Amino acid sequence: MLNAKNNAHEAGDYQSNEPDSLFGICQAAGEDLHISPFFLRVGLISVLFFNPLLMVGAYVGLGLVVGASRVLFPKPQVEAPAQVAVEQPAQFHRERELIAA
């Protein structure tokens, strides 16, 4: 049950580094809006059937908005947490000595 709950949470925070998109505009917009880029792609493809010129314009416009948002509001850099040394118990050292002997 817990595993299914974690999988559902991970699906909501979709981030992929796979180069499976044309320019990554739908992927970047999906990350900014916290939605799956699949919905953006389906919307653009549905517009393609009715008016291809409008779809190209919408894609370019979305790219300009995403590019401007990345320049004006960059993501903060997250520092790696410092590693804390953990001291091993004395019994662990004795077992290691016995194994080495």
PDB file of N, CA and C in Angstrom:
ATOM      1  N   MET A   1       0.821  -1.187   0.000  1.00  0.00           N
ATOM      2  CA  MET A   1       0.000   0.000   0.000  1.00  0.00           C
ATOM      3  C   MET A   1       0.864   1.249   0.000  1.00  0.00           C
ATOM      4  N   LEU A   2       1.910   1.229   0.819  1.00  0.00           N
ATOM      5  CA  LEU A   2       2.797   2.381   0.905  1.00  0.00           C
ATOM      6  C   LEU A   2       3.523   2.600  -0.419  1.00  0.00           C
ATOM      7  N   ASN A   3       3.904   1.505  -1.082  1.00  0.00           N
ATOM      8  CA  ASN A   3       4.601   1.619  -2.352  1.00  0.00           C
ATOM      9  C   ASN A   3       3.707   2.261  -3.407  1.00  0.00           C
ATOM     10  N   ALA A   4       2.431   1.903  -3.438  1.00  0.00           N
ATOM     11  CA  ALA A   4       1.510   2.492  -4.403  1.00  0.00           C
ATOM     12  C   ALA A   4       1.324   3.981  -4.129  1.00  0.00           C
ATOM     13  N   LYS A   5       1.307   4.350  -2.867  1.00  0.00           N
ATOM     14  CA  LYS A   5       1.163   5.763  -2.504  1.00  0.00           C
ATOM     15  C   LYS A   5       2.380   6.552  -2.960  1.00  0.00           C
ATOM     16  N   ASN A   6       3.564   6.001  -2.783  1.00  0.00           N
ATOM     17  CA  ASN A   6       4.789   6.670  -3.226  1.00  0.00           C
ATOM     18  C   ASN A   6       4.841   6.787  -4.743  1.00  0.00           C
ATOM     19  N   ASN A   7       4.402   5.760  -5.449  1.00  0.00           N
ATOM     20  CA  ASN A   7       4.400   5.809  -6.906  1.00  0.00           C
ATOM     21  C   ASN A   7       3.460   6.887  -7.414  1.00  0.00           C
ATOM     22  N   ALA A   8       2.312   7.043  -6.764  1.00  0.00           N
ATOM     23  CA  ALA A   8       1.373   8.079  -7.180  1.00  0.00           C
ATOM     24  C   ALA A   8       1.960   9.456  -6.934  1.00  0.00           C
ATOM     25  N   HIS A   9       2.692   9.615  -5.844  1.00  0.00           N
ATOM     26  CA  HIS A   9       3.325  10.906  -5.552  1.00  0.00           C
ATOM     27  C   HIS A   9       4.421  11.205  -6.561  1.00  0.00           C
ATOM     28  N   GLU A  10       5.197  10.195  -6.931  1.00  0.00           N
ATOM     29  CA  GLU A  10       6.271  10.394  -7.896  1.00  0.00           C
ATOM     30  C   GLU A  10       5.718  10.748  -9.276  1.00  0.00           C
ATOM     31  N   ALA A  11       4.562  10.207  -9.631  1.00  0.00           N
ATOM     32  CA  ALA A  11       3.981  10.508 -10.936  1.00  0.00           C
ATOM     33  C   ALA A  11       3.559  11.969 -11.020  1.00  0.00           C
ATOM     34  N   GLY A  12       3.189  12.574  -9.899  1.00  0.00           N
ATOM     35  CA  GLY A  12       2.785  13.966  -9.895  1.00  0.00           C
ATOM     36  C   GLY A  12       3.960  14.911 -10.087  1.00  0.00           C
ATOM     37  N   ASP A  13       5.134  14.514  -9.629  1.00  0.00           N
ATOM     38  CA  ASP A  13       6.325  15.339  -9.757  1.00  0.00           C
ATOM     39  C   ASP A  13       7.187  14.819 -10.898  1.00  0.00           C
ATOM     40  N   TYR A  14       6.632  14.830 -12.088  1.00  0.00           N
ATOM     41  CA  TYR A  14       7.301  14.252 -13.243  1.00  0.00           C
ATOM     42  C   TYR A  14       8.451  15.140 -13.697  1.00  0.00           C
ATOM     43  N   GLN A  15       9.647  14.594 -13.661  1.00  0.00           N
ATOM     44  CA  GLN A  15      10.812  15.281 -14.192  1.00  0.00           C
ATOM     45  C   GLN A  15      11.666  14.230 -14.888  1.00  0.00           C
ATOM     46  N   SER A  16      12.017  14.500 -16.097  1.00  0.00           N
ATOM     47  CA  SER A  16      12.768  13.541 -16.884  1.00  0.00           C
ATOM     48  C   SER A  16      13.914  14.236 -17.576  1.00  0.00           C
ATOM     49  N   ASN A  17      15.029  13.557 -17.653  1.00  0.00           N
ATOM     50  CA  ASN A  17      16.171  14.083 -18.377  1.00  0.00           C
ATOM     51  C   ASN A  17      16.342  13.385 -19.717  1.00  0.00           C
ATOM     52  N   GLU A  18      15.340  12.641 -20.136  1.00  0.00           N
ATOM     53  CA  GLU A  18      15.412  11.925 -21.395  1.00  0.00           C
ATOM     54  C   GLU A  18      15.204  12.886 -22.560  1.00  0.00           C
ATOM     55  N   PRO A  19      16.016  12.774 -23.588  1.00  0.00           N
ATOM     56  CA  PRO A  19      15.861  13.667 -24.751  1.00  0.00           C
ATOM     57  C   PRO A  19      14.799  13.159 -25.713  1.00  0.00           C
ATOM     58  N   ASP A  20      13.561  13.032 -25.248  1.00  0.00           N
ATOM     59  CA  ASP A  20      12.504  12.485 -26.088  1.00  0.00           C
ATOM     60  C   ASP A  20      11.556  13.557 -26.606  1.00  0.00           C
ATOM     61  N   SER A  21      11.951  14.814 -26.541  1.00  0.00           N
ATOM     62  CA  SER A  21      11.085  15.881 -27.014  1.00  0.00           C
ATOM     63  C   SER A  21      11.819  16.722 -28.048  1.00  0.00           C
ATOM     64  N   LEU A  22      11.051  17.497 -28.792  1.00  0.00           N
ATOM     65  CA  LEU A  22      11.622  18.280 -29.877  1.00  0.00           C
ATOM     66  C   LEU A  22      12.563  19.356 -29.350  1.00  0.00           C
ATOM     67  N   PHE A  23      12.040  20.295 -28.600  1.00  0.00           N
ATOM     68  CA  PHE A  23      12.872  21.337 -28.001  1.00  0.00           C
ATOM     69  C   PHE A  23      12.737  21.366 -26.491  1.00  0.00           C
ATOM     70  N   GLY A  24      11.893  20.547 -25.914  1.00  0.00           N
ATOM     71  CA  GLY A  24      11.713  20.495 -24.477  1.00  0.00           C
ATOM     72  C   GLY A  24      10.813  21.580 -23.938  1.00  0.00           C
ATOM     73  N   ILE A  25      10.062  22.242 -24.798  1.00  0.00           N
ATOM     74  CA  ILE A  25       9.220  23.349 -24.356  1.00  0.00           C
ATOM     75  C   ILE A  25       8.062  22.832 -23.519  1.00  0.00           C
ATOM     76  N   CYS A  26       7.382  21.794 -23.964  1.00  0.00           N
ATOM     77  CA  CYS A  26       6.270  21.240 -23.187  1.00  0.00           C
ATOM     78  C   CYS A  26       6.773  20.650 -21.873  1.00  0.00           C
ATOM     79  N   GLN A  27       7.948  20.030 -21.899  1.00  0.00           N
ATOM     80  CA  GLN A  27       8.545  19.477 -20.684  1.00  0.00           C
ATOM     81  C   GLN A  27       8.833  20.586 -19.680  1.00  0.00           C
ATOM     82  N   ALA A  28       9.448  21.673 -20.143  1.00  0.00           N
ATOM     83  CA  ALA A  28       9.790  22.785 -19.254  1.00  0.00           C
ATOM     84  C   ALA A  28       8.538  23.478 -18.735  1.00  0.00           C
ATOM     85  N   ALA A  29       7.545  23.677 -19.587  1.00  0.00           N
ATOM     86  CA  ALA A  29       6.297  24.306 -19.147  1.00  0.00           C
ATOM     87  C   ALA A  29       5.566  23.407 -18.153  1.00  0.00           C
ATOM     88  N   GLY A  30       5.608  22.108 -18.363  1.00  0.00           N
ATOM     89  CA  GLY A  30       4.996  21.174 -17.423  1.00  0.00           C
ATOM     90  C   GLY A  30       5.668  21.213 -16.063  1.00  0.00           C
ATOM     91  N   GLU A  31       6.996  21.332 -16.041  1.00  0.00           N
ATOM     92  CA  GLU A  31       7.704  21.452 -14.770  1.00  0.00           C
ATOM     93  C   GLU A  31       7.338  22.748 -14.067  1.00  0.00           C
ATOM     94  N   ASP A  32       7.248  23.841 -14.812  1.00  0.00           N
ATOM     95  CA  ASP A  32       6.911  25.133 -14.203  1.00  0.00           C
ATOM     96  C   ASP A  32       5.487  25.146 -13.658  1.00  0.00           C
ATOM     97  N   LEU A  33       4.562  24.506 -14.369  1.00  0.00           N
ATOM     98  CA  LEU A  33       3.157  24.500 -13.962  1.00  0.00           C
ATOM     99  C   LEU A  33       2.802  23.315 -13.064  1.00  0.00           C
ATOM    100  N   HIS A  34       3.756  22.405 -12.839  1.00  0.00           N
ATOM    101  CA  HIS A  34       3.563  21.200 -12.027  1.00  0.00           C
ATOM    102  C   HIS A  34       2.460  20.318 -12.597  1.00  0.00           C
ATOM    103  N   ILE A  35       2.458  20.148 -13.918  1.00  0.00           N
ATOM    104  CA  ILE A  35       1.536  19.237 -14.574  1.00  0.00           C
ATOM    105  C   ILE A  35       2.348  18.351 -15.512  1.00  0.00           C
ATOM    106  N   SER A  36       1.732  17.292 -15.958  1.00  0.00           N
ATOM    107  CA  SER A  36       2.394  16.395 -16.890  1.00  0.00           C
ATOM    108  C   SER A  36       2.480  17.056 -18.263  1.00  0.00           C
ATOM    109  N   PRO A  37       3.644  17.012 -18.914  1.00  0.00           N
ATOM    110  CA  PRO A  37       3.764  17.605 -20.242  1.00  0.00           C
ATOM    111  C   PRO A  37       2.901  16.894 -21.278  1.00  0.00           C
ATOM    112  N   PHE A  38       2.437  15.714 -20.954  1.00  0.00           N
ATOM    113  CA  PHE A  38       1.560  14.969 -21.859  1.00  0.00           C
ATOM    114  C   PHE A  38       0.310  15.786 -22.198  1.00  0.00           C
ATOM    115  N   PHE A  39      -0.271  16.448 -21.197  1.00  0.00           N
ATOM    116  CA  PHE A  39      -1.489  17.224 -21.426  1.00  0.00           C
ATOM    117  C   PHE A  39      -1.220  18.412 -22.350  1.00  0.00           C
ATOM    118  N   LEU A  40      -0.072  19.036 -22.204  1.00  0.00           N
ATOM    119  CA  LEU A  40       0.281  20.141 -23.096  1.00  0.00           C
ATOM    120  C   LEU A  40       0.477  19.636 -24.525  1.00  0.00           C
ATOM    121  N   ARG A  41       1.125  18.505 -24.666  1.00  0.00           N
ATOM    122  CA  ARG A  41       1.359  17.940 -25.989  1.00  0.00           C
ATOM    123  C   ARG A  41       0.046  17.553 -26.667  1.00  0.00           C
ATOM    124  N   VAL A  42      -0.871  16.958 -25.906  1.00  0.00           N
ATOM    125  CA  VAL A  42      -2.170  16.579 -26.474  1.00  0.00           C
ATOM    126  C   VAL A  42      -2.936  17.820 -26.913  1.00  0.00           C
ATOM    127  N   GLY A  43      -2.885  18.873 -26.105  1.00  0.00           N
ATOM    128  CA  GLY A  43      -3.556  20.115 -26.474  1.00  0.00           C
ATOM    129  C   GLY A  43      -2.991  20.713 -27.747  1.00  0.00           C
ATOM    130  N   LEU A  44      -1.666  20.719 -27.873  1.00  0.00           N
ATOM    131  CA  LEU A  44      -1.052  21.265 -29.081  1.00  0.00           C
ATOM    132  C   LEU A  44      -1.346  20.408 -30.308  1.00  0.00           C
ATOM    133  N   ILE A  45      -1.366  19.101 -30.130  1.00  0.00           N
ATOM    134  CA  ILE A  45      -1.657  18.213 -31.256  1.00  0.00           C
ATOM    135  C   ILE A  45      -3.109  18.377 -31.695  1.00  0.00           C
ATOM    136  N   SER A  46      -4.020  18.575 -30.729  1.00  0.00           N
ATOM    137  CA  SER A  46      -5.423  18.770 -31.115  1.00  0.00           C
ATOM    138  C   SER A  46      -5.608  20.079 -31.886  1.00  0.00           C
ATOM    139  N   VAL A  47      -4.862  21.116 -31.540  1.00  0.00           N
ATOM    140  CA  VAL A  47      -4.922  22.377 -32.278  1.00  0.00           C
ATOM    141  C   VAL A  47      -4.318  22.201 -33.671  1.00  0.00           C
ATOM    142  N   LEU A  48      -3.337  21.308 -33.798  1.00  0.00           N
ATOM    143  CA  LEU A  48      -2.687  21.052 -35.088  1.00  0.00           C
ATOM    144  C   LEU A  48      -3.693  20.608 -36.141  1.00  0.00           C
ATOM    145  N   PHE A  49      -4.683  19.812 -35.767  1.00  0.00           N
ATOM    146  CA  PHE A  49      -5.665  19.314 -36.726  1.00  0.00           C
ATOM    147  C   PHE A  49      -6.571  20.423 -37.257  1.00  0.00           C
ATOM    148  N   PHE A  50      -6.848  21.415 -36.423  1.00  0.00           N
ATOM    149  CA  PHE A  50      -7.763  22.476 -36.835  1.00  0.00           C
ATOM    150  C   PHE A  50      -7.052  23.641 -37.508  1.00  0.00           C
ATOM    151  N   ASN A  51      -5.892  24.029 -36.982  1.00  0.00           N
ATOM    152  CA  ASN A  51      -5.176  25.184 -37.529  1.00  0.00           C
ATOM    153  C   ASN A  51      -3.682  25.016 -37.261  1.00  0.00           C
ATOM    154  N   PRO A  52      -2.930  24.461 -38.226  1.00  0.00           N
ATOM    155  CA  PRO A  52      -1.502  24.213 -38.008  1.00  0.00           C
ATOM    156  C   PRO A  52      -0.702  25.497 -37.721  1.00  0.00           C
ATOM    157  N   LEU A  53      -1.069  26.593 -38.362  1.00  0.00           N
ATOM    158  CA  LEU A  53      -0.347  27.842 -38.136  1.00  0.00           C
ATOM    159  C   LEU A  53      -0.545  28.327 -36.697  1.00  0.00           C
ATOM    160  N   LEU A  54      -1.746  28.165 -36.157  1.00  0.00           N
ATOM    161  CA  LEU A  54      -2.012  28.534 -34.777  1.00  0.00           C
ATOM    162  C   LEU A  54      -1.202  27.663 -33.816  1.00  0.00           C
ATOM    163  N   MET A  55      -1.056  26.383 -34.139  1.00  0.00           N
ATOM    164  CA  MET A  55      -0.284  25.476 -33.296  1.00  0.00           C
ATOM    165  C   MET A  55       1.176  25.884 -33.264  1.00  0.00           C
ATOM    166  N   VAL A  56       1.751  26.208 -34.404  1.00  0.00           N
ATOM    167  CA  VAL A  56       3.151  26.638 -34.450  1.00  0.00           C
ATOM    168  C   VAL A  56       3.326  27.931 -33.666  1.00  0.00           C
ATOM    169  N   GLY A  57       2.370  28.847 -33.825  1.00  0.00           N
ATOM    170  CA  GLY A  57       2.439  30.096 -33.076  1.00  0.00           C
ATOM    171  C   GLY A  57       2.317  29.875 -31.576  1.00  0.00           C
ATOM    172  N   ALA A  58       1.426  28.970 -31.173  1.00  0.00           N
ATOM    173  CA  ALA A  58       1.262  28.667 -29.753  1.00  0.00           C
ATOM    174  C   ALA A  58       2.519  28.017 -29.189  1.00  0.00           C
ATOM    175  N   TYR A  59       3.156  27.142 -29.966  1.00  0.00           N
ATOM    176  CA  TYR A  59       4.371  26.467 -29.518  1.00  0.00           C
ATOM    177  C   TYR A  59       5.513  27.467 -29.361  1.00  0.00           C
ATOM    178  N   VAL A  60       5.664  28.360 -30.331  1.00  0.00           N
ATOM    179  CA  VAL A  60       6.710  29.374 -30.254  1.00  0.00           C
ATOM    180  C   VAL A  60       6.424  30.327 -29.088  1.00  0.00           C
ATOM    181  N   GLY A  61       5.164  30.720 -28.932  1.00  0.00           N
ATOM    182  CA  GLY A  61       4.796  31.594 -27.817  1.00  0.00           C
ATOM    183  C   GLY A  61       5.061  30.945 -26.468  1.00  0.00           C
ATOM    184  N   LEU A  62       4.722  29.655 -26.350  1.00  0.00           N
ATOM    185  CA  LEU A  62       4.988  28.926 -25.117  1.00  0.00           C
ATOM    186  C   LEU A  62       6.485  28.849 -24.858  1.00  0.00           C
ATOM    187  N   GLY A  63       7.267  28.670 -25.928  1.00  0.00           N
ATOM    188  CA  GLY A  63       8.719  28.645 -25.778  1.00  0.00           C
ATOM    189  C   GLY A  63       9.267  29.974 -25.299  1.00  0.00           C
ATOM    190  N   LEU A  64       8.721  31.076 -25.813  1.00  0.00           N
ATOM    191  CA  LEU A  64       9.168  32.398 -25.368  1.00  0.00           C
ATOM    192  C   LEU A  64       8.806  32.641 -23.906  1.00  0.00           C
ATOM    193  N   VAL A  65       7.617  32.221 -23.505  1.00  0.00           N
ATOM    194  CA  VAL A  65       7.201  32.387 -22.107  1.00  0.00           C
ATOM    195  C   VAL A  65       8.080  31.558 -21.180  1.00  0.00           C
ATOM    196  N   VAL A  66       8.361  30.309 -21.564  1.00  0.00           N
ATOM    197  CA  VAL A  66       9.208  29.452 -20.741  1.00  0.00           C
ATOM    198  C   VAL A  66      10.628  30.017 -20.670  1.00  0.00           C
ATOM    199  N   GLY A  67      11.154  30.459 -21.801  1.00  0.00           N
ATOM    200  CA  GLY A  67      12.500  31.035 -21.800  1.00  0.00           C
ATOM    201  C   GLY A  67      12.589  32.283 -20.943  1.00  0.00           C
ATOM    202  N   ALA A  68      11.582  33.148 -21.029  1.00  0.00           N
ATOM    203  CA  ALA A  68      11.588  34.368 -20.213  1.00  0.00           C
ATOM    204  C   ALA A  68      11.461  34.023 -18.732  1.00  0.00           C
ATOM    205  N   SER A  69      10.639  33.033 -18.401  1.00  0.00           N
ATOM    206  CA  SER A  69      10.485  32.672 -16.985  1.00  0.00           C
ATOM    207  C   SER A  69      11.763  32.069 -16.422  1.00  0.00           C
ATOM    208  N   ARG A  70      12.501  31.317 -17.247  1.00  0.00           N
ATOM    209  CA  ARG A  70      13.759  30.727 -16.777  1.00  0.00           C
ATOM    210  C   ARG A  70      14.840  31.792 -16.593  1.00  0.00           C
ATOM    211  N   VAL A  71      14.803  32.835 -17.412  1.00  0.00           N
ATOM    212  CA  VAL A  71      15.795  33.911 -17.280  1.00  0.00           C
ATOM    213  C   VAL A  71      15.442  34.820 -16.103  1.00  0.00           C
ATOM    214  N   LEU A  72      14.156  35.185 -15.992  1.00  0.00           N
ATOM    215  CA  LEU A  72      13.752  36.122 -14.945  1.00  0.00           C
ATOM    216  C   LEU A  72      13.663  35.485 -13.562  1.00  0.00           C
ATOM    217  N   PHE A  73      13.256  34.223 -13.498  1.00  0.00           N
ATOM    218  CA  PHE A  73      13.077  33.539 -12.220  1.00  0.00           C
ATOM    219  C   PHE A  73      13.831  32.212 -12.220  1.00  0.00           C
ATOM    220  N   PRO A  74      15.171  32.239 -12.127  1.00  0.00           N
ATOM    221  CA  PRO A  74      15.926  30.982 -12.154  1.00  0.00           C
ATOM    222  C   PRO A  74      15.659  30.145 -10.903  1.00  0.00           C
ATOM    223  N   LYS A  75      15.790  28.835 -11.059  1.00  0.00           N
ATOM    224  CA  LYS A  75      15.599  27.930  -9.927  1.00  0.00           C
ATOM    225  C   LYS A  75      16.770  28.095  -8.963  1.00  0.00           C
ATOM    226  N   PRO A  76      16.506  28.118  -7.652  1.00  0.00           N
ATOM    227  CA  PRO A  76      17.603  28.250  -6.692  1.00  0.00           C
ATOM    228  C   PRO A  76      18.465  26.992  -6.678  1.00  0.00           C
ATOM    229  N   GLN A  77      19.753  27.202  -6.515  1.00  0.00           N
ATOM    230  CA  GLN A  77      20.695  26.085  -6.429  1.00  0.00           C
ATOM    231  C   GLN A  77      20.564  25.428  -5.069  1.00  0.00           C
ATOM    232  N   VAL A  78      20.412  24.104  -5.044  1.00  0.00           N
ATOM    233  CA  VAL A  78      20.296  23.358  -3.796  1.00  0.00           C
ATOM    234  C   VAL A  78      21.658  22.766  -3.472  1.00  0.00           C
ATOM    235  N   GLU A  79      22.170  23.098  -2.285  1.00  0.00           N
ATOM    236  CA  GLU A  79      23.469  22.571  -1.879  1.00  0.00           C
ATOM    237  C   GLU A  79      23.302  21.156  -1.360  1.00  0.00           C
ATOM    238  N   ALA A  80      24.334  20.360  -1.587  1.00  0.00           N
ATOM    239  CA  ALA A  80      24.315  18.984  -1.107  1.00  0.00           C
ATOM    240  C   ALA A  80      24.452  18.989   0.408  1.00  0.00           C
ATOM    241  N   PRO A  81      23.690  18.144   1.108  1.00  0.00           N
ATOM    242  CA  PRO A  81      23.800  18.112   2.574  1.00  0.00           C
ATOM    243  C   PRO A  81      25.166  17.591   3.002  1.00  0.00           C
ATOM    244  N   ALA A  82      25.675  18.149   4.068  1.00  0.00           N
ATOM    245  CA  ALA A  82      26.984  17.726   4.588  1.00  0.00           C
ATOM    246  C   ALA A  82      26.865  16.321   5.158  1.00  0.00           C
ATOM    247  N   GLN A  83      27.871  15.521   4.893  1.00  0.00           N
ATOM    248  CA  GLN A  83      27.870  14.158   5.397  1.00  0.00           C
ATOM    249  C   GLN A  83      28.455  14.141   6.803  1.00  0.00           C
ATOM    250  N   VAL A  84      27.780  13.434   7.684  1.00  0.00           N
ATOM    251  CA  VAL A  84      28.201  13.333   9.072  1.00  0.00           C
ATOM    252  C   VAL A  84      28.831  11.967   9.272  1.00  0.00           C
ATOM    253  N   ALA A  85      30.039  11.962   9.857  1.00  0.00           N
ATOM    254  CA  ALA A  85      30.721  10.698  10.122  1.00  0.00           C
ATOM    255  C   ALA A  85      30.040  10.008  11.294  1.00  0.00           C
ATOM    256  N   VAL A  86      29.746   8.714  11.126  1.00  0.00           N
ATOM    257  CA  VAL A  86      29.102   7.934  12.172  1.00  0.00           C
ATOM    258  C   VAL A  86      30.148   6.980  12.740  1.00  0.00           C
ATOM    259  N   GLU A  87      30.319   7.020  14.048  1.00  0.00           N
ATOM    260  CA  GLU A  87      31.313   6.156  14.695  1.00  0.00           C
ATOM    261  C   GLU A  87      30.744   4.756  14.841  1.00  0.00           C
ATOM    262  N   GLN A  88      31.552   3.774  14.490  1.00  0.00           N
ATOM    263  CA  GLN A  88      31.129   2.386  14.573  1.00  0.00           C
ATOM    264  C   GLN A  88      31.259   1.897  16.017  1.00  0.00           C
ATOM    265  N   PRO A  89      30.355   1.057  16.462  1.00  0.00           N
ATOM    266  CA  PRO A  89      30.459   0.523  17.827  1.00  0.00           C
ATOM    267  C   PRO A  89      31.671  -0.388  17.968  1.00  0.00           C
ATOM    268  N   ALA A  90      32.117  -0.568  19.212  1.00  0.00           N
ATOM    269  CA  ALA A  90      33.313  -1.368  19.501  1.00  0.00           C
ATOM    270  C   ALA A  90      33.125  -2.815  19.052  1.00  0.00           C
ATOM    271  N   GLN A  91      31.911  -3.341  19.141  1.00  0.00           N
ATOM    272  CA  GLN A  91      31.657  -4.725  18.749  1.00  0.00           C
ATOM    273  C   GLN A  91      31.933  -4.915  17.255  1.00  0.00           C
ATOM    274  N   PHE A  92      31.635  -3.924  16.465  1.00  0.00           N
ATOM    275  CA  PHE A  92      31.883  -4.011  15.032  1.00  0.00           C
ATOM    276  C   PHE A  92      33.379  -4.153  14.757  1.00  0.00           C
ATOM    277  N   HIS A  93      34.206  -3.401  15.488  1.00  0.00           N
ATOM    278  CA  HIS A  93      35.656  -3.491  15.306  1.00  0.00           C
ATOM    279  C   HIS A  93      36.173  -4.859  15.715  1.00  0.00           C
ATOM    280  N   ARG A  94      35.640  -5.422  16.816  1.00  0.00           N
ATOM    281  CA  ARG A  94      36.079  -6.743  17.266  1.00  0.00           C
ATOM    282  C   ARG A  94      35.707  -7.806  16.227  1.00  0.00           C
ATOM    283  N   GLU A  95      34.508  -7.704  15.658  1.00  0.00           N
ATOM    284  CA  GLU A  95      34.098  -8.683  14.644  1.00  0.00           C
ATOM    285  C   GLU A  95      34.969  -8.575  13.408  1.00  0.00           C
ATOM    286  N   ARG A  96      35.356  -7.361  13.038  1.00  0.00           N
ATOM    287  CA  ARG A  96      36.235  -7.181  11.887  1.00  0.00           C
ATOM    288  C   ARG A  96      37.604  -7.790  12.140  1.00  0.00           C
ATOM    289  N   GLU A  97      38.105  -7.650  13.386  1.00  0.00           N
ATOM    290  CA  GLU A  97      39.402  -8.238  13.717  1.00  0.00           C
ATOM    291  C   GLU A  97      39.324  -9.764  13.670  1.00  0.00           C
ATOM    292  N   LEU A  98      38.216 -10.333  14.131  1.00  0.00           N
ATOM    293  CA  LEU A  98      38.074 -11.787  14.110  1.00  0.00           C
ATOM    294  C   LEU A  98      37.980 -12.288  12.669  1.00  0.00           C
ATOM    295  N   ILE A  99      37.291 -11.541  11.839  1.00  0.00           N
ATOM    296  CA  ILE A  99      37.175 -11.957  10.454  1.00  0.00           C
ATOM    297  C   ILE A  99      38.528 -11.863   9.760  1.00  0.00           C
ATOM    298  N   ALA A 100      39.300 -10.848  10.060  1.00  0.00           N
ATOM    299  CA  ALA A 100      40.615 -10.657   9.448  1.00  0.00           C
ATOM    300  C   ALA A 100      41.599 -11.723   9.923  1.00  0.00           C
ATOM    301  N   ALA A 101      41.405 -12.256  11.119  1.00  0.00           N
ATOM    302  CA  ALA A 101      42.335 -13.259  11.656  1.00  0.00           C
ATOM    303  C   ALA A 101      42.047 -14.561  11.034  1.00  0.00           C
TER     304      ALA A 101
END
